[in-house]
Amino acid sequence: MDDQVDTKIRIRFLTSGVDDVEVPAGSNLLRMSIRYQGGLPFKCGGGMCGTCFCKIEEGAENTGPLTGKEKKMLTDEEVAQGHRLGCQTSLNGDVAVSWIPLDQRATPGRKPLK
């Protein structure tokens, strides 16, 4: 039996205050936010719109590698600061994530961030 199948990890959705969501390792961040009402904004779910732009505040080392879509959408500076697209982020360990609520953004996508 594969150990990863039984491994559970925890997600803290800091912006919405949803704590200690326990999910299987290998889960997708956006899918788990939807399933457990974590509140991460989304629109397309496919890495094209940037609505699920978020910041991994803790546990960035517990995320999978950047996808090609993230490499096209995110700047090097954003990546260095821990930003990811929730729909493209796989998880292999505990993380805490934050984001700017849509009603506080200039546009529904990821800009501007300061």
C-alpha atoms as a PDB file:
ATOM      1  CA  MET A   1       0.000   0.000   0.000  1.00  0.00           C
ATOM      2  CA  ASP A   2       1.273   3.469  -0.921  1.00  0.00           C
ATOM      3  CA  ASP A   3       1.913   5.592   2.206  1.00  0.00           C
ATOM      4  CA  GLN A   4       0.907   8.814   0.436  1.00  0.00           C
ATOM      5  CA  VAL A   5      -2.660   7.525   0.017  1.00  0.00           C
ATOM      6  CA  ASP A   6      -3.114   7.531   3.804  1.00  0.00           C
ATOM      7  CA  THR A   7      -1.125  10.700   4.530  1.00  0.00           C
ATOM      8  CA  LYS A   8      -3.255  13.642   5.653  1.00  0.00           C
ATOM      9  CA  ILE A   9      -2.149  17.249   5.534  1.00  0.00           C
ATOM     10  CA  ARG A  10      -3.651  20.416   6.977  1.00  0.00           C
ATOM     11  CA  ILE A  11      -4.626  23.633   5.220  1.00  0.00           C
ATOM     12  CA  ARG A  12      -5.294  26.923   6.983  1.00  0.00           C
ATOM     13  CA  PHE A  13      -7.240  29.442   4.908  1.00  0.00           C
ATOM     14  CA  LEU A  14      -6.080  32.588   6.698  1.00  0.00           C
ATOM     15  CA  THR A  15      -8.200  35.165   4.879  1.00  0.00           C
ATOM     16  CA  SER A  16     -11.494  33.376   5.541  1.00  0.00           C
ATOM     17  CA  GLY A  17     -10.493  32.024   8.950  1.00  0.00           C
ATOM     18  CA  VAL A  18     -11.122  28.390   8.006  1.00  0.00           C
ATOM     19  CA  ASP A  19      -8.510  26.446   9.987  1.00  0.00           C
ATOM     20  CA  ASP A  20      -7.215  22.918  10.116  1.00  0.00           C
ATOM     21  CA  VAL A  21      -8.861  21.448   7.057  1.00  0.00           C
ATOM     22  CA  GLU A  22      -7.481  17.919   6.798  1.00  0.00           C
ATOM     23  CA  VAL A  23      -7.011  16.640   3.234  1.00  0.00           C
ATOM     24  CA  PRO A  24      -5.114  13.837   1.477  1.00  0.00           C
ATOM     25  CA  ALA A  25      -1.543  14.562   0.377  1.00  0.00           C
ATOM     26  CA  GLY A  26      -1.421  15.361  -3.322  1.00  0.00           C
ATOM     27  CA  SER A  27      -4.624  17.407  -3.173  1.00  0.00           C
ATOM     28  CA  ASN A  28      -5.183  20.517  -5.269  1.00  0.00           C
ATOM     29  CA  LEU A  29      -5.414  23.728  -3.224  1.00  0.00           C
ATOM     30  CA  LEU A  30      -8.381  25.249  -5.069  1.00  0.00           C
ATOM     31  CA  ARG A  31     -10.354  21.995  -5.136  1.00  0.00           C
ATOM     32  CA  MET A  32      -9.918  21.614  -1.387  1.00  0.00           C
ATOM     33  CA  SER A  33     -10.958  25.231  -0.836  1.00  0.00           C
ATOM     34  CA  ILE A  34     -14.151  24.570  -2.778  1.00  0.00           C
ATOM     35  CA  ARG A  35     -14.839  21.258  -1.018  1.00  0.00           C
ATOM     36  CA  TYR A  36     -14.291  22.631   2.500  1.00  0.00           C
ATOM     37  CA  GLN A  37     -15.579  26.182   1.899  1.00  0.00           C
ATOM     38  CA  GLY A  38     -12.143  27.729   2.409  1.00  0.00           C
ATOM     39  CA  GLY A  39     -13.116  30.825   0.456  1.00  0.00           C
ATOM     40  CA  LEU A  40     -10.276  31.075  -2.068  1.00  0.00           C
ATOM     41  CA  PRO A  41     -11.752  33.076  -4.987  1.00  0.00           C
ATOM     42  CA  PHE A  42     -11.896  31.417  -8.386  1.00  0.00           C
ATOM     43  CA  LYS A  43     -13.464  31.782 -11.785  1.00  0.00           C
ATOM     44  CA  CYS A  44     -12.003  29.536 -14.484  1.00  0.00           C
ATOM     45  CA  GLY A  45     -10.218  26.928 -12.364  1.00  0.00           C
ATOM     46  CA  GLY A  46      -7.753  26.355 -15.186  1.00  0.00           C
ATOM     47  CA  GLY A  47      -4.899  28.812 -14.647  1.00  0.00           C
ATOM     48  CA  MET A  48      -6.047  31.329 -17.216  1.00  0.00           C
ATOM     49  CA  CYS A  49      -7.774  34.129 -15.283  1.00  0.00           C
ATOM     50  CA  GLY A  50      -5.624  34.604 -12.162  1.00  0.00           C
ATOM     51  CA  THR A  51      -8.626  34.940  -9.837  1.00  0.00           C
ATOM     52  CA  CYS A  52      -7.243  32.250  -7.486  1.00  0.00           C
ATOM     53  CA  PHE A  53      -3.958  34.184  -7.101  1.00  0.00           C
ATOM     54  CA  CYS A  54      -2.890  33.610  -3.510  1.00  0.00           C
ATOM     55  CA  LYS A  55       0.101  33.613  -1.203  1.00  0.00           C
ATOM     56  CA  ILE A  56       1.444  30.573   0.588  1.00  0.00           C
ATOM     57  CA  GLU A  57       2.197  32.162   3.960  1.00  0.00           C
ATOM     58  CA  GLU A  58       3.517  28.990   5.582  1.00  0.00           C
ATOM     59  CA  GLY A  59       4.642  25.712   4.061  1.00  0.00           C
ATOM     60  CA  ALA A  60       5.680  26.870   0.579  1.00  0.00           C
ATOM     61  CA  GLU A  61       8.122  23.959   0.598  1.00  0.00           C
ATOM     62  CA  ASN A  62       5.076  21.670   0.841  1.00  0.00           C
ATOM     63  CA  THR A  63       3.704  22.652  -2.559  1.00  0.00           C
ATOM     64  CA  GLY A  64       4.382  21.026  -5.902  1.00  0.00           C
ATOM     65  CA  PRO A  65       6.526  22.654  -8.584  1.00  0.00           C
ATOM     66  CA  LEU A  66       5.251  25.611 -10.590  1.00  0.00           C
ATOM     67  CA  THR A  67       3.182  24.584 -13.577  1.00  0.00           C
ATOM     68  CA  GLY A  68       3.694  25.984 -17.056  1.00  0.00           C
ATOM     69  CA  LYS A  69       0.580  28.130 -16.630  1.00  0.00           C
ATOM     70  CA  GLU A  70       1.970  29.624 -13.426  1.00  0.00           C
ATOM     71  CA  LYS A  71       5.296  30.340 -15.092  1.00  0.00           C
ATOM     72  CA  LYS A  72       3.443  32.322 -17.773  1.00  0.00           C
ATOM     73  CA  MET A  73       1.090  34.125 -15.355  1.00  0.00           C
ATOM     74  CA  LEU A  74       3.361  34.939 -12.387  1.00  0.00           C
ATOM     75  CA  THR A  75       6.414  37.183 -12.283  1.00  0.00           C
ATOM     76  CA  ASP A  76       9.680  35.988 -10.742  1.00  0.00           C
ATOM     77  CA  GLU A  77       9.144  38.480  -7.913  1.00  0.00           C
ATOM     78  CA  GLU A  78       5.672  37.112  -7.169  1.00  0.00           C
ATOM     79  CA  VAL A  79       6.983  33.559  -7.084  1.00  0.00           C
ATOM     80  CA  ALA A  80       9.839  34.599  -4.783  1.00  0.00           C
ATOM     81  CA  GLN A  81       7.263  36.138  -2.415  1.00  0.00           C
ATOM     82  CA  GLY A  82       5.330  32.859  -2.239  1.00  0.00           C
ATOM     83  CA  HIS A  83       2.494  33.613  -4.648  1.00  0.00           C
ATOM     84  CA  ARG A  84       0.788  30.805  -6.531  1.00  0.00           C
ATOM     85  CA  LEU A  85      -2.379  30.076  -8.481  1.00  0.00           C
ATOM     86  CA  GLY A  86      -4.587  27.949  -6.237  1.00  0.00           C
ATOM     87  CA  CYS A  87      -5.958  25.964  -9.178  1.00  0.00           C
ATOM     88  CA  GLN A  88      -2.441  24.917 -10.173  1.00  0.00           C
ATOM     89  CA  THR A  89      -1.017  24.185  -6.714  1.00  0.00           C
ATOM     90  CA  SER A  90      -0.678  20.634  -5.431  1.00  0.00           C
ATOM     91  CA  LEU A  91      -0.003  20.030  -1.759  1.00  0.00           C
ATOM     92  CA  ASN A  92       2.262  17.472  -0.121  1.00  0.00           C
ATOM     93  CA  GLY A  93       2.395  18.952   3.387  1.00  0.00           C
ATOM     94  CA  ASP A  94       0.773  21.490   5.695  1.00  0.00           C
ATOM     95  CA  VAL A  95       0.210  25.023   4.355  1.00  0.00           C
ATOM     96  CA  ALA A  96      -1.349  28.331   5.335  1.00  0.00           C
ATOM     97  CA  VAL A  97      -2.699  30.464   2.491  1.00  0.00           C
ATOM     98  CA  SER A  98      -3.983  34.039   2.162  1.00  0.00           C
ATOM     99  CA  TRP A  99      -5.382  36.176  -0.656  1.00  0.00           C
ATOM    100  CA  ILE A 100      -6.823  39.587  -1.368  1.00  0.00           C
ATOM    101  CA  PRO A 101     -10.645  39.351  -1.374  1.00  0.00           C
ATOM    102  CA  LEU A 102     -12.212  40.093  -4.754  1.00  0.00           C
ATOM    103  CA  ASP A 103     -14.070  43.154  -3.479  1.00  0.00           C
ATOM    104  CA  GLN A 104     -10.720  44.681  -2.522  1.00  0.00           C
ATOM    105  CA  ARG A 105      -9.060  44.094  -5.900  1.00  0.00           C
ATOM    106  CA  ALA A 106      -8.990  46.605  -8.730  1.00  0.00           C
ATOM    107  CA  THR A 107      -9.953  43.792 -11.122  1.00  0.00           C
ATOM    108  CA  PRO A 108     -11.268  40.256 -10.494  1.00  0.00           C
ATOM    109  CA  GLY A 109      -7.854  38.805 -11.443  1.00  0.00           C
ATOM    110  CA  ARG A 110      -4.637  38.961  -9.492  1.00  0.00           C
ATOM    111  CA  LYS A 111      -3.603  42.602  -9.853  1.00  0.00           C
ATOM    112  CA  PRO A 112      -2.720  44.754  -8.010  1.00  0.00           C
ATOM    113  CA  LEU A 113      -0.802  43.281  -5.095  1.00  0.00           C
ATOM    114  CA  LYS A 114       1.384  45.274  -2.798  1.00  0.00           C
END
